[in-house]
PDB file of N, CA and C in Angstrom:
ATOM      1  N   MET A   1      89.275  86.394  63.597  1.00  0.00           N
ATOM      2  CA  MET A   1      89.239  87.104  64.865  1.00  0.00           C
ATOM      3  C   MET A   1      90.138  88.337  64.754  1.00  0.00           C
ATOM      4  N   ARG A   2      89.700  89.397  65.326  1.00  0.00           N
ATOM      5  CA  ARG A   2      90.415  90.674  65.260  1.00  0.00           C
ATOM      6  C   ARG A   2      91.473  90.776  66.356  1.00  0.00           C
ATOM      7  N   ASP A   3      92.613  91.377  66.035  1.00  0.00           N
ATOM      8  CA  ASP A   3      93.700  91.563  66.993  1.00  0.00           C
ATOM      9  C   ASP A   3      93.447  92.836  67.798  1.00  0.00           C
ATOM     10  N   PHE A   4      93.388  92.687  69.128  1.00  0.00           N
ATOM     11  CA  PHE A   4      93.157  93.832  70.003  1.00  0.00           C
ATOM     12  C   PHE A   4      94.402  94.194  70.800  1.00  0.00           C
ATOM     13  N   THR A   5      95.565  93.919  70.249  1.00  0.00           N
ATOM     14  CA  THR A   5      96.811  94.285  70.909  1.00  0.00           C
ATOM     15  C   THR A   5      96.903  95.810  70.971  1.00  0.00           C
ATOM     16  N   PRO A   6      97.163  96.371  72.160  1.00  0.00           N
ATOM     17  CA  PRO A   6      97.249  97.829  72.259  1.00  0.00           C
ATOM     18  C   PRO A   6      98.415  98.385  71.440  1.00  0.00           C
ATOM     19  N   SER A   7      98.211  99.548  70.859  1.00  0.00           N
ATOM     20  CA  SER A   7      99.271 100.213  70.099  1.00  0.00           C
ATOM     21  C   SER A   7     100.356 100.719  71.046  1.00  0.00           C
ATOM     22  N   ALA A   8     101.473 101.105  70.472  1.00  0.00           N
ATOM     23  CA  ALA A   8     102.583 101.636  71.277  1.00  0.00           C
ATOM     24  C   ALA A   8     102.141 102.872  72.065  1.00  0.00           C
ATOM     25  N   ASP A   9     101.310 103.723  71.453  1.00  0.00           N
ATOM     26  CA  ASP A   9     100.822 104.922  72.147  1.00  0.00           C
ATOM     27  C   ASP A   9      99.914 104.557  73.317  1.00  0.00           C
ATOM     28  N   VAL A  10      99.048 103.579  73.121  1.00  0.00           N
ATOM     29  CA  VAL A  10      98.148 103.136  74.195  1.00  0.00           C
ATOM     30  C   VAL A  10      98.962 102.549  75.338  1.00  0.00           C
ATOM     31  N   LYS A  11      99.946 101.732  75.018  1.00  0.00           N
ATOM     32  CA  LYS A  11     100.800 101.139  76.052  1.00  0.00           C
ATOM     33  C   LYS A  11     101.529 102.227  76.831  1.00  0.00           C
ATOM     34  N   ALA A  12     102.060 103.222  76.128  1.00  0.00           N
ATOM     35  CA  ALA A  12     102.773 104.317  76.795  1.00  0.00           C
ATOM     36  C   ALA A  12     101.837 105.091  77.721  1.00  0.00           C
ATOM     37  N   ASN A  13     100.616 105.347  77.268  1.00  0.00           N
ATOM     38  CA  ASN A  13      99.646 106.051  78.111  1.00  0.00           C
ATOM     39  C   ASN A  13      99.276 105.223  79.336  1.00  0.00           C
ATOM     40  N   GLN A  14      99.132 103.914  79.156  1.00  0.00           N
ATOM     41  CA  GLN A  14      98.812 103.037  80.284  1.00  0.00           C
ATOM     42  C   GLN A  14      99.967 103.008  81.288  1.00  0.00           C
ATOM     43  N   ARG A  15     101.201 102.943  80.800  1.00  0.00           N
ATOM     44  CA  ARG A  15     102.360 102.976  81.716  1.00  0.00           C
ATOM     45  C   ARG A  15     102.380 104.281  82.500  1.00  0.00           C
ATOM     46  N   SER A  16     102.130 105.379  81.822  1.00  0.00           N
ATOM     47  CA  SER A  16     102.105 106.688  82.478  1.00  0.00           C
ATOM     48  C   SER A  16     101.015 106.751  83.542  1.00  0.00           C
ATOM     49  N   THR A  17      99.851 106.214  83.229  1.00  0.00           N
ATOM     50  CA  THR A  17      98.729 106.191  84.172  1.00  0.00           C
ATOM     51  C   THR A  17      99.084 105.369  85.405  1.00  0.00           C
ATOM     52  N   LEU A  18      99.680 104.197  85.209  1.00  0.00           N
ATOM     53  CA  LEU A  18     100.066 103.342  86.334  1.00  0.00           C
ATOM     54  C   LEU A  18     101.115 104.023  87.208  1.00  0.00           C
ATOM     55  N   LEU A  19     102.118 104.636  86.584  1.00  0.00           N
ATOM     56  CA  LEU A  19     103.153 105.346  87.348  1.00  0.00           C
ATOM     57  C   LEU A  19     102.546 106.475  88.173  1.00  0.00           C
ATOM     58  N   LYS A  20     101.675 107.255  87.549  1.00  0.00           N
ATOM     59  CA  LYS A  20     101.039 108.377  88.262  1.00  0.00           C
ATOM     60  C   LYS A  20     100.248 107.865  89.464  1.00  0.00           C
ATOM     61  N   HIS A  21      99.479 106.806  89.270  1.00  0.00           N
ATOM     62  CA  HIS A  21      98.684 106.247  90.365  1.00  0.00           C
ATOM     63  C   HIS A  21      99.593 105.749  91.486  1.00  0.00           C
ATOM     64  N   MET A  22     100.658 105.036  91.141  1.00  0.00           N
ATOM     65  CA  MET A  22     101.577 104.526  92.173  1.00  0.00           C
ATOM     66  C   MET A  22     102.252 105.669  92.921  1.00  0.00           C
ATOM     67  N   ARG A  23     102.613 106.716  92.222  1.00  0.00           N
ATOM     68  CA  ARG A  23     103.260 107.858  92.885  1.00  0.00           C
ATOM     69  C   ARG A  23     102.288 108.576  93.820  1.00  0.00           C
ATOM     70  N   GLU A  24     101.045 108.689  93.409  1.00  0.00           N
ATOM     71  CA  GLU A  24     100.061 109.412  94.216  1.00  0.00           C
ATOM     72  C   GLU A  24      99.485 108.588  95.362  1.00  0.00           C
ATOM     73  N   HIS A  25      99.430 107.264  95.197  1.00  0.00           N
ATOM     74  CA  HIS A  25      98.755 106.413  96.175  1.00  0.00           C
ATOM     75  C   HIS A  25      99.657 105.359  96.806  1.00  0.00           C
ATOM     76  N   GLY A  26     100.916 105.319  96.415  1.00  0.00           N
ATOM     77  CA  GLY A  26     101.851 104.367  97.002  1.00  0.00           C
ATOM     78  C   GLY A  26     101.865 103.008  96.338  1.00  0.00           C
ATOM     79  N   GLY A  27     100.890 102.723  95.488  1.00  0.00           N
ATOM     80  CA  GLY A  27     100.854 101.443  94.794  1.00  0.00           C
ATOM     81  C   GLY A  27      99.536 101.283  94.064  1.00  0.00           C
ATOM     82  N   ILE A  28      99.407 100.164  93.359  1.00  0.00           N
ATOM     83  CA  ILE A  28      98.177  99.873  92.631  1.00  0.00           C
ATOM     84  C   ILE A  28      98.001  98.367  92.524  1.00  0.00           C
ATOM     85  N   SER A  29      96.767  97.915  92.664  1.00  0.00           N
ATOM     86  CA  SER A  29      96.476  96.487  92.490  1.00  0.00           C
ATOM     87  C   SER A  29      96.023  96.245  91.054  1.00  0.00           C
ATOM     88  N   THR A  30      96.036  94.986  90.671  1.00  0.00           N
ATOM     89  CA  THR A  30      95.525  94.612  89.359  1.00  0.00           C
ATOM     90  C   THR A  30      94.079  95.077  89.209  1.00  0.00           C
ATOM     91  N   LEU A  31      93.279  94.886  90.250  1.00  0.00           N
ATOM     92  CA  LEU A  31      91.869  95.267  90.205  1.00  0.00           C
ATOM     93  C   LEU A  31      91.709  96.776  90.039  1.00  0.00           C
ATOM     94  N   GLU A  32      92.502  97.561  90.759  1.00  0.00           N
ATOM     95  CA  GLU A  32      92.432  99.024  90.619  1.00  0.00           C
ATOM     96  C   GLU A  32      92.793  99.443  89.196  1.00  0.00           C
ATOM     97  N   GLY A  33      93.834  98.839  88.657  1.00  0.00           N
ATOM     98  CA  GLY A  33      94.221  99.161  87.292  1.00  0.00           C
ATOM     99  C   GLY A  33      93.101  98.898  86.306  1.00  0.00           C
ATOM    100  N   ARG A  34      92.397  97.781  86.525  1.00  0.00           N
ATOM    101  CA  ARG A  34      91.297  97.426  85.630  1.00  0.00           C
ATOM    102  C   ARG A  34      90.058  98.275  85.866  1.00  0.00           C
ATOM    103  N   GLU A  35      89.607  98.369  87.130  1.00  0.00           N
ATOM    104  CA  GLU A  35      88.335  99.035  87.418  1.00  0.00           C
ATOM    105  C   GLU A  35      88.414 100.554  87.404  1.00  0.00           C
ATOM    106  N   ILE A  36      89.512 101.119  87.865  1.00  0.00           N
ATOM    107  CA  ILE A  36      89.636 102.583  87.919  1.00  0.00           C
ATOM    108  C   ILE A  36      90.118 103.149  86.588  1.00  0.00           C
ATOM    109  N   HIS A  37      91.126 102.463  85.998  1.00  0.00           N
ATOM    110  CA  HIS A  37      91.769 103.022  84.809  1.00  0.00           C
ATOM    111  C   HIS A  37      91.456 102.282  83.512  1.00  0.00           C
ATOM    112  N   GLY A  38      90.738 101.159  83.584  1.00  0.00           N
ATOM    113  CA  GLY A  38      90.378 100.426  82.373  1.00  0.00           C
ATOM    114  C   GLY A  38      91.545  99.734  81.686  1.00  0.00           C
ATOM    115  N   ILE A  39      92.593  99.438  82.444  1.00  0.00           N
ATOM    116  CA  ILE A  39      93.777  98.774  81.892  1.00  0.00           C
ATOM    117  C   ILE A  39      93.630  97.273  82.136  1.00  0.00           C
ATOM    118  N   GLN A  40      93.348  96.519  81.092  1.00  0.00           N
ATOM    119  CA  GLN A  40      93.153  95.079  81.245  1.00  0.00           C
ATOM    120  C   GLN A  40      94.469  94.336  81.434  1.00  0.00           C
ATOM    121  N   GLY A  41      95.537  94.821  80.833  1.00  0.00           N
ATOM    122  CA  GLY A  41      96.844  94.165  80.927  1.00  0.00           C
ATOM    123  C   GLY A  41      97.777  94.896  81.875  1.00  0.00           C
ATOM    124  N   VAL A  42      97.447  94.903  83.162  1.00  0.00           N
ATOM    125  CA  VAL A  42      98.277  95.611  84.142  1.00  0.00           C
ATOM    126  C   VAL A  42      99.661  94.963  84.238  1.00  0.00           C
ATOM    127  N   ALA A  43      99.713  93.641  84.357  1.00  0.00           N
ATOM    128  CA  ALA A  43     100.999  92.944  84.522  1.00  0.00           C
ATOM    129  C   ALA A  43     101.972  93.208  83.369  1.00  0.00           C
ATOM    130  N   PRO A  44     101.535  93.149  82.109  1.00  0.00           N
ATOM    131  CA  PRO A  44     102.480  93.458  81.029  1.00  0.00           C
ATOM    132  C   PRO A  44     103.018  94.888  81.085  1.00  0.00           C
ATOM    133  N   ARG A  45     102.164  95.849  81.500  1.00  0.00           N
ATOM    134  CA  ARG A  45     102.640  97.234  81.606  1.00  0.00           C
ATOM    135  C   ARG A  45     103.646  97.378  82.744  1.00  0.00           C
ATOM    136  N   ILE A  46     103.429  96.663  83.855  1.00  0.00           N
ATOM    137  CA  ILE A  46     104.388  96.685  84.963  1.00  0.00           C
ATOM    138  C   ILE A  46     105.704  96.086  84.506  1.00  0.00           C
ATOM    139  N   PHE A  47     105.648  94.996  83.766  1.00  0.00           N
ATOM    140  CA  PHE A  47     106.846  94.363  83.212  1.00  0.00           C
ATOM    141  C   PHE A  47     107.629  95.364  82.356  1.00  0.00           C
ATOM    142  N   GLU A  48     106.915  96.095  81.507  1.00  0.00           N
ATOM    143  CA  GLU A  48     107.559  97.101  80.662  1.00  0.00           C
ATOM    144  C   GLU A  48     108.180  98.210  81.500  1.00  0.00           C
ATOM    145  N   LEU A  49     107.467  98.660  82.542  1.00  0.00           N
ATOM    146  CA  LEU A  49     108.017  99.707  83.407  1.00  0.00           C
ATOM    147  C   LEU A  49     109.300  99.238  84.085  1.00  0.00           C
ATOM    148  N   ARG A  50     109.318  97.993  84.528  1.00  0.00           N
ATOM    149  CA  ARG A  50     110.545  97.446  85.132  1.00  0.00           C
ATOM    150  C   ARG A  50     111.679  97.438  84.112  1.00  0.00           C
ATOM    151  N   ASN A  51     111.368  97.048  82.890  1.00  0.00           N
ATOM    152  CA  ASN A  51     112.394  97.031  81.840  1.00  0.00           C
ATOM    153  C   ASN A  51     112.894  98.433  81.506  1.00  0.00           C
ATOM    154  N   LEU A  52     112.090  99.437  81.808  1.00  0.00           N
ATOM    155  CA  LEU A  52     112.492 100.832  81.607  1.00  0.00           C
ATOM    156  C   LEU A  52     113.261 101.391  82.806  1.00  0.00           C
ATOM    157  N   GLY A  53     113.474 100.542  83.833  1.00  0.00           N
ATOM    158  CA  GLY A  53     114.299 100.939  84.965  1.00  0.00           C
ATOM    159  C   GLY A  53     113.566 101.290  86.245  1.00  0.00           C
ATOM    160  N   HIS A  54     112.259 101.191  86.274  1.00  0.00           N
ATOM    161  CA  HIS A  54     111.502 101.510  87.488  1.00  0.00           C
ATOM    162  C   HIS A  54     111.587 100.349  88.473  1.00  0.00           C
ATOM    163  N   ASP A  55     111.811 100.668  89.729  1.00  0.00           N
ATOM    164  CA  ASP A  55     111.937  99.663  90.795  1.00  0.00           C
ATOM    165  C   ASP A  55     110.556  99.423  91.399  1.00  0.00           C
ATOM    166  N   ILE A  56     109.908  98.358  90.949  1.00  0.00           N
ATOM    167  CA  ILE A  56     108.535  98.050  91.352  1.00  0.00           C
ATOM    168  C   ILE A  56     108.510  96.680  92.014  1.00  0.00           C
ATOM    169  N   THR A  57     107.928  96.623  93.220  1.00  0.00           N
ATOM    170  CA  THR A  57     107.795  95.357  93.929  1.00  0.00           C
ATOM    171  C   THR A  57     106.375  94.817  93.739  1.00  0.00           C
ATOM    172  N   THR A  58     106.244  93.506  93.900  1.00  0.00           N
ATOM    173  CA  THR A  58     104.944  92.844  93.781  1.00  0.00           C
ATOM    174  C   THR A  58     104.642  92.095  95.061  1.00  0.00           C
ATOM    175  N   THR A  59     103.443  92.283  95.570  1.00  0.00           N
ATOM    176  CA  THR A  59     102.951  91.541  96.731  1.00  0.00           C
ATOM    177  C   THR A  59     101.642  90.880  96.313  1.00  0.00           C
ATOM    178  N   ARG A  60     101.461  89.630  96.696  1.00  0.00           N
ATOM    179  CA  ARG A  60     100.198  88.939  96.422  1.00  0.00           C
ATOM    180  C   ARG A  60      99.184  89.323  97.502  1.00  0.00           C
ATOM    181  N   VAL A  61      97.974  89.710  97.090  1.00  0.00           N
ATOM    182  CA  VAL A  61      96.927  90.150  98.016  1.00  0.00           C
ATOM    183  C   VAL A  61      95.590  89.536  97.608  1.00  0.00           C
ATOM    184  N   LEU A  62      94.630  89.581  98.539  1.00  0.00           N
ATOM    185  CA  LEU A  62      93.233  89.260  98.232  1.00  0.00           C
ATOM    186  C   LEU A  62      92.491  90.581  98.172  1.00  0.00           C
ATOM    187  N   GLU A  63      91.782  90.829  97.089  1.00  0.00           N
ATOM    188  CA  GLU A  63      91.069  92.093  96.966  1.00  0.00           C
ATOM    189  C   GLU A  63      89.626  91.828  96.559  1.00  0.00           C
ATOM    190  N   GLN A  64      88.732  92.647  97.086  1.00  0.00           N
ATOM    191  CA  GLN A  64      87.301  92.496  96.848  1.00  0.00           C
ATOM    192  C   GLN A  64      86.874  93.308  95.630  1.00  0.00           C
ATOM    193  N   ASP A  65      86.149  92.672  94.718  1.00  0.00           N
ATOM    194  CA  ASP A  65      85.674  93.387  93.536  1.00  0.00           C
ATOM    195  C   ASP A  65      84.357  94.119  93.834  1.00  0.00           C
ATOM    196  N   SER A  66      83.807  94.786  92.830  1.00  0.00           N
ATOM    197  CA  SER A  66      82.598  95.588  93.027  1.00  0.00           C
ATOM    198  C   SER A  66      81.358  94.744  93.344  1.00  0.00           C
ATOM    199  N   GLN A  67      81.417  93.430  93.112  1.00  0.00           N
ATOM    200  CA  GLN A  67      80.319  92.530  93.463  1.00  0.00           C
ATOM    201  C   GLN A  67      80.531  91.865  94.818  1.00  0.00           C
ATOM    202  N   GLY A  68      81.602  92.233  95.510  1.00  0.00           N
ATOM    203  CA  GLY A  68      81.857  91.691  96.837  1.00  0.00           C
ATOM    204  C   GLY A  68      82.633  90.386  96.866  1.00  0.00           C
ATOM    205  N   ARG A  69      83.071  89.920  95.721  1.00  0.00           N
ATOM    206  CA  ARG A  69      83.847  88.678  95.658  1.00  0.00           C
ATOM    207  C   ARG A  69      85.329  88.977  95.832  1.00  0.00           C
ATOM    208  N   PHE A  70      86.026  88.067  96.501  1.00  0.00           N
ATOM    209  CA  PHE A  70      87.462  88.226  96.717  1.00  0.00           C
ATOM    210  C   PHE A  70      88.245  87.467  95.658  1.00  0.00           C
ATOM    211  N   HIS A  71      89.351  88.082  95.222  1.00  0.00           N
ATOM    212  CA  HIS A  71      90.204  87.487  94.199  1.00  0.00           C
ATOM    213  C   HIS A  71      91.669  87.656  94.600  1.00  0.00           C
ATOM    214  N   PRO A  72      92.491  86.610  94.414  1.00  0.00           N
ATOM    215  CA  PRO A  72      93.926  86.789  94.623  1.00  0.00           C
ATOM    216  C   PRO A  72      94.488  87.576  93.438  1.00  0.00           C
ATOM    217  N   MET A  73      95.313  88.537  93.737  1.00  0.00           N
ATOM    218  CA  MET A  73      95.914  89.341  92.675  1.00  0.00           C
ATOM    219  C   MET A  73      97.195  89.991  93.158  1.00  0.00           C
ATOM    220  N   ALA A  74      97.790  90.779  92.303  1.00  0.00           N
ATOM    221  CA  ALA A  74      99.050  91.456  92.616  1.00  0.00           C
ATOM    222  C   ALA A  74      98.789  92.896  93.054  1.00  0.00           C
ATOM    223  N   PHE A  75      99.629  93.345  93.988  1.00  0.00           N
ATOM    224  CA  PHE A  75      99.678  94.755  94.359  1.00  0.00           C
ATOM    225  C   PHE A  75     101.085  95.227  94.043  1.00  0.00           C
ATOM    226  N   TYR A  76     101.184  96.260  93.223  1.00  0.00           N
ATOM    227  CA  TYR A  76     102.479  96.764  92.760  1.00  0.00           C
ATOM    228  C   TYR A  76     102.810  98.063  93.484  1.00  0.00           C
ATOM    229  N   ARG A  77     104.032  98.136  93.969  1.00  0.00           N
ATOM    230  CA  ARG A  77     104.480  99.317  94.718  1.00  0.00           C
ATOM    231  C   ARG A  77     105.751  99.848  94.057  1.00  0.00           C
ATOM    232  N   LEU A  78     105.734 101.129  93.749  1.00  0.00           N
ATOM    233  CA  LEU A  78     106.897 101.813  93.174  1.00  0.00           C
ATOM    234  C   LEU A  78     107.777 102.260  94.335  1.00  0.00           C
ATOM    235  N   ARG A  79     108.975 101.737  94.406  1.00  0.00           N
ATOM    236  CA  ARG A  79     109.865 102.137  95.505  1.00  0.00           C
ATOM    237  C   ARG A  79     110.193 103.616  95.402  1.00  0.00           C
ATOM    238  N   GLY A  80     110.109 104.273  96.548  1.00  0.00           N
ATOM    239  CA  GLY A  80     110.385 105.709  96.591  1.00  0.00           C
ATOM    240  C   GLY A  80     109.155 106.566  96.333  1.00  0.00           C
ATOM    241  N   ALA A  81     107.994 105.928  96.079  1.00  0.00           N
ATOM    242  CA  ALA A  81     106.760 106.700  95.832  1.00  0.00           C
ATOM    243  C   ALA A  81     105.976 106.860  97.116  1.00  0.00           C
ATOM    244  N   ALA A  82     105.167 107.907  97.147  1.00  0.00           N
ATOM    245  CA  ALA A  82     104.265 108.259  98.273  1.00  0.00           C
ATOM    246  C   ALA A  82     104.662 107.549  99.519  1.00  0.00           C
TER     247      ALA A  82
END
């Protein structure tokens, strides 16, 4: 089986994308990260951002996917953003 672990550059780009989205929109859900930005590992990138000093809160929410189904997931908010 092939290893699909993202490279350091991919992880950095994903962190940057998540930060930009949170700053522009006030936060991002797991579903938004996946469907809008194609980031499958949103939670690990948020963990890394926190370790880099960003103050990010997590709220549990129900969000509807593109097929109309609801899923429990996380909504991440960057304190001090939008």
